[in-house]
PDB file of N, CA and C in Angstrom:
ATOM      1  N   MET A   1     -16.909  32.673  -8.619  1.00  0.00           N
ATOM      2  CA  MET A   1     -16.724  31.239  -8.599  1.00  0.00           C
ATOM      3  C   MET A   1     -16.800  30.661 -10.020  1.00  0.00           C
ATOM      4  N   ILE A   2     -17.757  31.121 -10.816  1.00  0.00           N
ATOM      5  CA  ILE A   2     -17.901  30.611 -12.170  1.00  0.00           C
ATOM      6  C   ILE A   2     -16.702  31.035 -13.020  1.00  0.00           C
ATOM      7  N   LYS A   3     -16.190  32.233 -12.784  1.00  0.00           N
ATOM      8  CA  LYS A   3     -15.019  32.700 -13.520  1.00  0.00           C
ATOM      9  C   LYS A   3     -13.801  31.828 -13.197  1.00  0.00           C
ATOM     10  N   LEU A   4     -13.640  31.458 -11.958  1.00  0.00           N
ATOM     11  CA  LEU A   4     -12.537  30.598 -11.543  1.00  0.00           C
ATOM     12  C   LEU A   4     -12.662  29.213 -12.175  1.00  0.00           C
ATOM     13  N   LEU A   5     -13.884  28.697 -12.229  1.00  0.00           N
ATOM     14  CA  LEU A   5     -14.115  27.391 -12.846  1.00  0.00           C
ATOM     15  C   LEU A   5     -13.776  27.445 -14.346  1.00  0.00           C
ATOM     16  N   GLY A   6     -14.098  28.540 -15.013  1.00  0.00           N
ATOM     17  CA  GLY A   6     -13.768  28.703 -16.429  1.00  0.00           C
ATOM     18  C   GLY A   6     -12.265  28.757 -16.656  1.00  0.00           C
ATOM     19  N   VAL A   7     -11.551  29.448 -15.792  1.00  0.00           N
ATOM     20  CA  VAL A   7     -10.093  29.551 -15.905  1.00  0.00           C
ATOM     21  C   VAL A   7      -9.453  28.183 -15.687  1.00  0.00           C
ATOM     22  N   ILE A   8      -9.930  27.453 -14.712  1.00  0.00           N
ATOM     23  CA  ILE A   8      -9.382  26.110 -14.435  1.00  0.00           C
ATOM     24  C   ILE A   8      -9.655  25.175 -15.612  1.00  0.00           C
ATOM     25  N   THR A   9     -10.856  25.239 -16.171  1.00  0.00           N
ATOM     26  CA  THR A   9     -11.203  24.395 -17.321  1.00  0.00           C
ATOM     27  C   THR A   9     -10.329  24.735 -18.520  1.00  0.00           C
ATOM     28  N   LEU A  10     -10.136  26.010 -18.774  1.00  0.00           N
ATOM     29  CA  LEU A  10      -9.289  26.443 -19.885  1.00  0.00           C
ATOM     30  C   LEU A  10      -7.844  25.980 -19.688  1.00  0.00           C
ATOM     31  N   ALA A  11      -7.330  26.084 -18.493  1.00  0.00           N
ATOM     32  CA  ALA A  11      -5.962  25.640 -18.207  1.00  0.00           C
ATOM     33  C   ALA A  11      -5.838  24.131 -18.385  1.00  0.00           C
ATOM     34  N   PHE A  12      -6.831  23.387 -17.929  1.00  0.00           N
ATOM     35  CA  PHE A  12      -6.814  21.932 -18.067  1.00  0.00           C
ATOM     36  C   PHE A  12      -6.826  21.526 -19.544  1.00  0.00           C
ATOM     37  N   CYS A  13      -7.694  22.158 -20.329  1.00  0.00           N
ATOM     38  CA  CYS A  13      -7.764  21.858 -21.760  1.00  0.00           C
ATOM     39  C   CYS A  13      -6.462  22.227 -22.462  1.00  0.00           C
ATOM     40  N   SER A  14      -5.849  23.325 -22.093  1.00  0.00           N
ATOM     41  CA  SER A  14      -4.588  23.738 -22.694  1.00  0.00           C
ATOM     42  C   SER A  14      -3.486  22.728 -22.409  1.00  0.00           C
ATOM     43  N   VAL A  15      -3.400  22.267 -21.175  1.00  0.00           N
ATOM     44  CA  VAL A  15      -2.387  21.281 -20.805  1.00  0.00           C
ATOM     45  C   VAL A  15      -2.649  19.961 -21.523  1.00  0.00           C
ATOM     46  N   LEU A  16      -3.911  19.568 -21.619  1.00  0.00           N
ATOM     47  CA  LEU A  16      -4.249  18.323 -22.306  1.00  0.00           C
ATOM     48  C   LEU A  16      -3.884  18.400 -23.793  1.00  0.00           C
ATOM     49  N   LEU A  17      -4.204  19.498 -24.451  1.00  0.00           N
ATOM     50  CA  LEU A  17      -3.840  19.647 -25.859  1.00  0.00           C
ATOM     51  C   LEU A  17      -2.328  19.695 -26.060  1.00  0.00           C
ATOM     52  N   LEU A  18      -1.614  20.330 -25.156  1.00  0.00           N
ATOM     53  CA  LEU A  18      -0.161  20.374 -25.240  1.00  0.00           C
ATOM     54  C   LEU A  18       0.435  18.975 -25.098  1.00  0.00           C
ATOM     55  N   MET A  19      -0.101  18.179 -24.183  1.00  0.00           N
ATOM     56  CA  MET A  19       0.389  16.810 -24.006  1.00  0.00           C
ATOM     57  C   MET A  19       0.087  15.955 -25.239  1.00  0.00           C
ATOM     58  N   LEU A  20      -1.103  16.110 -25.823  1.00  0.00           N
ATOM     59  CA  LEU A  20      -1.433  15.350 -27.024  1.00  0.00           C
ATOM     60  C   LEU A  20      -0.535  15.745 -28.190  1.00  0.00           C
ATOM     61  N   TRP A  21      -0.246  17.028 -28.313  1.00  0.00           N
ATOM     62  CA  TRP A  21       0.620  17.492 -29.386  1.00  0.00           C
ATOM     63  C   TRP A  21       2.051  16.975 -29.197  1.00  0.00           C
ATOM     64  N   ALA A  22       2.544  16.981 -27.972  1.00  0.00           N
ATOM     65  CA  ALA A  22       3.921  16.571 -27.700  1.00  0.00           C
ATOM     66  C   ALA A  22       4.116  15.068 -27.868  1.00  0.00           C
ATOM     67  N   THR A  23       3.088  14.275 -27.605  1.00  0.00           N
ATOM     68  CA  THR A  23       3.242  12.823 -27.683  1.00  0.00           C
ATOM     69  C   THR A  23       2.761  12.248 -28.999  1.00  0.00           C
ATOM     70  N   GLY A  24       2.257  13.079 -29.909  1.00  0.00           N
ATOM     71  CA  GLY A  24       1.761  12.603 -31.199  1.00  0.00           C
ATOM     72  C   GLY A  24       2.888  12.167 -32.102  1.00  0.00           C
ATOM     73  N   PRO A  25       2.554  11.404 -33.139  1.00  0.00           N
ATOM     74  CA  PRO A  25       3.600  10.948 -34.067  1.00  0.00           C
ATOM     75  C   PRO A  25       4.165  12.118 -34.860  1.00  0.00           C
ATOM     76  N   ALA A  26       5.434  12.080 -35.097  1.00  0.00           N
ATOM     77  CA  ALA A  26       6.097  13.152 -35.850  1.00  0.00           C
ATOM     78  C   ALA A  26       5.902  12.905 -37.340  1.00  0.00           C
ATOM     79  N   GLN A  27       5.277  13.830 -38.034  1.00  0.00           N
ATOM     80  CA  GLN A  27       5.031  13.682 -39.463  1.00  0.00           C
ATOM     81  C   GLN A  27       6.259  14.077 -40.282  1.00  0.00           C
ATOM     82  N   ALA A  28       7.127  14.883 -39.737  1.00  0.00           N
ATOM     83  CA  ALA A  28       8.285  15.352 -40.490  1.00  0.00           C
ATOM     84  C   ALA A  28       9.303  14.246 -40.735  1.00  0.00           C
ATOM     85  N   ASN A  29       9.304  13.213 -39.928  1.00  0.00           N
ATOM     86  CA  ASN A  29      10.285  12.153 -40.058  1.00  0.00           C
ATOM     87  C   ASN A  29       9.865  11.063 -41.029  1.00  0.00           C
ATOM     88  N   ALA A  30       8.668  11.147 -41.586  1.00  0.00           N
ATOM     89  CA  ALA A  30       8.179  10.104 -42.478  1.00  0.00           C
ATOM     90  C   ALA A  30       8.950  10.128 -43.800  1.00  0.00           C
ATOM     91  N   GLU A  31       9.243   8.950 -44.320  1.00  0.00           N
ATOM     92  CA  GLU A  31       9.944   8.830 -45.588  1.00  0.00           C
ATOM     93  C   GLU A  31       8.950   9.018 -46.731  1.00  0.00           C
ATOM     94  N   THR A  32       9.405   9.646 -47.793  1.00  0.00           N
ATOM     95  CA  THR A  32       8.548   9.800 -48.948  1.00  0.00           C
ATOM     96  C   THR A  32       8.538   8.498 -49.738  1.00  0.00           C
ATOM     97  N   SER A  33       7.387   8.146 -50.312  1.00  0.00           N
ATOM     98  CA  SER A  33       7.274   6.886 -51.022  1.00  0.00           C
ATOM     99  C   SER A  33       7.728   6.996 -52.476  1.00  0.00           C
ATOM    100  N   GLU A  34       7.760   8.196 -53.016  1.00  0.00           N
ATOM    101  CA  GLU A  34       8.177   8.361 -54.398  1.00  0.00           C
ATOM    102  C   GLU A  34       9.610   8.886 -54.460  1.00  0.00           C
ATOM    103  N   PRO A  35      10.356   8.460 -55.454  1.00  0.00           N
ATOM    104  CA  PRO A  35      11.746   8.929 -55.563  1.00  0.00           C
ATOM    105  C   PRO A  35      11.782  10.400 -55.958  1.00  0.00           C
ATOM    106  N   PRO A  36      12.862  11.083 -55.643  1.00  0.00           N
ATOM    107  CA  PRO A  36      12.958  12.499 -56.025  1.00  0.00           C
ATOM    108  C   PRO A  36      12.989  12.651 -57.544  1.00  0.00           C
ATOM    109  N   SER A  37      12.422  13.748 -58.024  1.00  0.00           N
ATOM    110  CA  SER A  37      12.378  13.980 -59.469  1.00  0.00           C
ATOM    111  C   SER A  37      13.763  14.403 -59.959  1.00  0.00           C
ATOM    112  N   PRO A  38      14.066  14.089 -61.213  1.00  0.00           N
ATOM    113  CA  PRO A  38      15.366  14.501 -61.752  1.00  0.00           C
ATOM    114  C   PRO A  38      15.461  16.022 -61.810  1.00  0.00           C
ATOM    115  N   PRO A  39      16.656  16.571 -61.795  1.00  0.00           N
ATOM    116  CA  PRO A  39      16.831  18.026 -61.725  1.00  0.00           C
ATOM    117  C   PRO A  39      16.154  18.796 -62.852  1.00  0.00           C
ATOM    118  N   GLY A  40      16.101  18.250 -64.041  1.00  0.00           N
ATOM    119  CA  GLY A  40      15.534  18.976 -65.164  1.00  0.00           C
ATOM    120  C   GLY A  40      14.034  18.798 -65.333  1.00  0.00           C
ATOM    121  N   ALA A  41      13.392  17.987 -64.498  1.00  0.00           N
ATOM    122  CA  ALA A  41      11.971  17.686 -64.664  1.00  0.00           C
ATOM    123  C   ALA A  41      11.094  18.919 -64.475  1.00  0.00           C
ATOM    124  N   ILE A  42      11.424  19.743 -63.514  1.00  0.00           N
ATOM    125  CA  ILE A  42      10.628  20.949 -63.271  1.00  0.00           C
ATOM    126  C   ILE A  42      10.788  21.922 -64.431  1.00  0.00           C
ATOM    127  N   ARG A  43      11.992  22.049 -64.922  1.00  0.00           N
ATOM    128  CA  ARG A  43      12.243  22.944 -66.062  1.00  0.00           C
ATOM    129  C   ARG A  43      11.507  22.446 -67.300  1.00  0.00           C
ATOM    130  N   MET A  44      11.509  21.131 -67.535  1.00  0.00           N
ATOM    131  CA  MET A  44      10.821  20.571 -68.692  1.00  0.00           C
ATOM    132  C   MET A  44       9.308  20.726 -68.574  1.00  0.00           C
ATOM    133  N   ALA A  45       8.758  20.572 -67.374  1.00  0.00           N
ATOM    134  CA  ALA A  45       7.320  20.744 -67.177  1.00  0.00           C
ATOM    135  C   ALA A  45       6.915  22.191 -67.426  1.00  0.00           C
ATOM    136  N   ALA A  46       7.734  23.130 -66.997  1.00  0.00           N
ATOM    137  CA  ALA A  46       7.442  24.541 -67.241  1.00  0.00           C
ATOM    138  C   ALA A  46       7.532  24.856 -68.731  1.00  0.00           C
ATOM    139  N   ARG A  47       8.490  24.261 -69.412  1.00  0.00           N
ATOM    140  CA  ARG A  47       8.639  24.463 -70.857  1.00  0.00           C
ATOM    141  C   ARG A  47       7.428  23.909 -71.600  1.00  0.00           C
ATOM    142  N   ASP A  48       6.940  22.729 -71.186  1.00  0.00           N
ATOM    143  CA  ASP A  48       5.768  22.137 -71.812  1.00  0.00           C
ATOM    144  C   ASP A  48       4.531  22.992 -71.592  1.00  0.00           C
ATOM    145  N   ALA A  49       4.354  23.503 -70.385  1.00  0.00           N
ATOM    146  CA  ALA A  49       3.188  24.332 -70.076  1.00  0.00           C
ATOM    147  C   ALA A  49       3.230  25.646 -70.854  1.00  0.00           C
ATOM    148  N   PHE A  50       4.401  26.171 -71.087  1.00  0.00           N
ATOM    149  CA  PHE A  50       4.529  27.417 -71.852  1.00  0.00           C
ATOM    150  C   PHE A  50       4.279  27.178 -73.338  1.00  0.00           C
ATOM    151  N   ALA A  51       4.782  26.067 -73.859  1.00  0.00           N
ATOM    152  CA  ALA A  51       4.650  25.785 -75.285  1.00  0.00           C
ATOM    153  C   ALA A  51       3.217  25.417 -75.659  1.00  0.00           C
ATOM    154  N   CYS A  52       2.531  24.665 -74.808  1.00  0.00           N
ATOM    155  CA  CYS A  52       1.169  24.200 -75.104  1.00  0.00           C
ATOM    156  C   CYS A  52       0.290  24.406 -73.869  1.00  0.00           C
ATOM    157  N   PRO A  53      -0.210  25.618 -73.645  1.00  0.00           N
ATOM    158  CA  PRO A  53      -1.037  25.843 -72.453  1.00  0.00           C
ATOM    159  C   PRO A  53      -2.340  25.052 -72.528  1.00  0.00           C
ATOM    160  N   GLY A  54      -2.615  24.279 -71.496  1.00  0.00           N
ATOM    161  CA  GLY A  54      -3.832  23.483 -71.426  1.00  0.00           C
ATOM    162  C   GLY A  54      -3.793  22.210 -72.252  1.00  0.00           C
ATOM    163  N   MET A  55      -2.657  21.873 -72.834  1.00  0.00           N
ATOM    164  CA  MET A  55      -2.528  20.672 -73.656  1.00  0.00           C
ATOM    165  C   MET A  55      -1.273  19.896 -73.253  1.00  0.00           C
ATOM    166  N   HIS A  56      -1.145  18.731 -73.844  1.00  0.00           N
ATOM    167  CA  HIS A  56       0.035  17.888 -73.616  1.00  0.00           C
ATOM    168  C   HIS A  56       1.048  18.145 -74.721  1.00  0.00           C
ATOM    169  N   ALA A  57       2.277  18.378 -74.374  1.00  0.00           N
ATOM    170  CA  ALA A  57       3.320  18.682 -75.360  1.00  0.00           C
ATOM    171  C   ALA A  57       4.127  17.430 -75.675  1.00  0.00           C
ATOM    172  N   GLU A  58       4.165  17.062 -76.947  1.00  0.00           N
ATOM    173  CA  GLU A  58       5.021  15.981 -77.435  1.00  0.00           C
ATOM    174  C   GLU A  58       6.157  16.615 -78.224  1.00  0.00           C
ATOM    175  N   TRP A  59       7.371  16.477 -77.743  1.00  0.00           N
ATOM    176  CA  TRP A  59       8.519  17.102 -78.397  1.00  0.00           C
ATOM    177  C   TRP A  59       9.070  16.151 -79.454  1.00  0.00           C
ATOM    178  N   ILE A  60       9.084  16.615 -80.704  1.00  0.00           N
ATOM    179  CA  ILE A  60       9.591  15.824 -81.819  1.00  0.00           C
ATOM    180  C   ILE A  60      11.115  15.905 -81.867  1.00  0.00           C
ATOM    181  N   ASP A  61      11.642  17.102 -81.784  1.00  0.00           N
ATOM    182  CA  ASP A  61      13.077  17.303 -81.637  1.00  0.00           C
ATOM    183  C   ASP A  61      13.263  18.479 -80.689  1.00  0.00           C
ATOM    184  N   GLU A  62      14.463  19.021 -80.635  1.00  0.00           N
ATOM    185  CA  GLU A  62      14.770  20.073 -79.648  1.00  0.00           C
ATOM    186  C   GLU A  62      13.964  21.346 -79.839  1.00  0.00           C
ATOM    187  N   LYS A  63      13.533  21.650 -81.073  1.00  0.00           N
ATOM    188  CA  LYS A  63      12.830  22.907 -81.332  1.00  0.00           C
ATOM    189  C   LYS A  63      11.410  22.716 -81.850  1.00  0.00           C
ATOM    190  N   THR A  64      10.977  21.495 -82.087  1.00  0.00           N
ATOM    191  CA  THR A  64       9.663  21.242 -82.665  1.00  0.00           C
ATOM    192  C   THR A  64       8.780  20.541 -81.638  1.00  0.00           C
ATOM    193  N   VAL A  65       7.583  21.100 -81.447  1.00  0.00           N
ATOM    194  CA  VAL A  65       6.661  20.531 -80.471  1.00  0.00           C
ATOM    195  C   VAL A  65       5.325  20.261 -81.150  1.00  0.00           C
ATOM    196  N   HIS A  66       4.662  19.189 -80.722  1.00  0.00           N
ATOM    197  CA  HIS A  66       3.335  18.840 -81.226  1.00  0.00           C
ATOM    198  C   HIS A  66       2.388  18.861 -80.025  1.00  0.00           C
ATOM    199  N   CYS A  67       1.396  19.760 -80.062  1.00  0.00           N
ATOM    200  CA  CYS A  67       0.460  19.916 -78.944  1.00  0.00           C
ATOM    201  C   CYS A  67      -0.729  18.990 -79.125  1.00  0.00           C
ATOM    202  N   LEU A  68      -1.033  18.184 -78.114  1.00  0.00           N
ATOM    203  CA  LEU A  68      -2.154  17.255 -78.156  1.00  0.00           C
ATOM    204  C   LEU A  68      -3.159  17.625 -77.076  1.00  0.00           C
ATOM    205  N   LYS A  69      -4.445  17.549 -77.418  1.00  0.00           N
ATOM    206  CA  LYS A  69      -5.475  17.814 -76.423  1.00  0.00           C
ATOM    207  C   LYS A  69      -5.487  16.697 -75.404  1.00  0.00           C
ATOM    208  N   GLU A  70      -5.668  17.079 -74.123  1.00  0.00           N
ATOM    209  CA  GLU A  70      -5.727  16.080 -73.065  1.00  0.00           C
ATOM    210  C   GLU A  70      -7.131  15.523 -72.983  1.00  0.00           C
ATOM    211  N   LYS A  71      -7.232  14.226 -72.753  1.00  0.00           N
ATOM    212  CA  LYS A  71      -8.532  13.596 -72.606  1.00  0.00           C
ATOM    213  C   LYS A  71      -9.096  13.936 -71.228  1.00  0.00           C
ATOM    214  N   PRO A  72     -10.392  14.251 -71.146  1.00  0.00           N
ATOM    215  CA  PRO A  72     -10.982  14.605 -69.831  1.00  0.00           C
ATOM    216  C   PRO A  72     -11.116  13.432 -68.905  1.00  0.00           C
TER     217      PRO A  72
END
């Protein structure tokens, strides 16, 4: 009898969780609040991290970089 009660309780909880999941708000449809980054932004961030690891890179021209310590 106790085993049957456990099975019924488990089935009830499973159905309840399934219903809550199915009727919940869809997070995938939410609009992002920030605009998409430009195509070269990721490449530039990787270039900055490579040129000045742990610092901020200020590019003077195409081949010259000035590394600045970041404020904590």
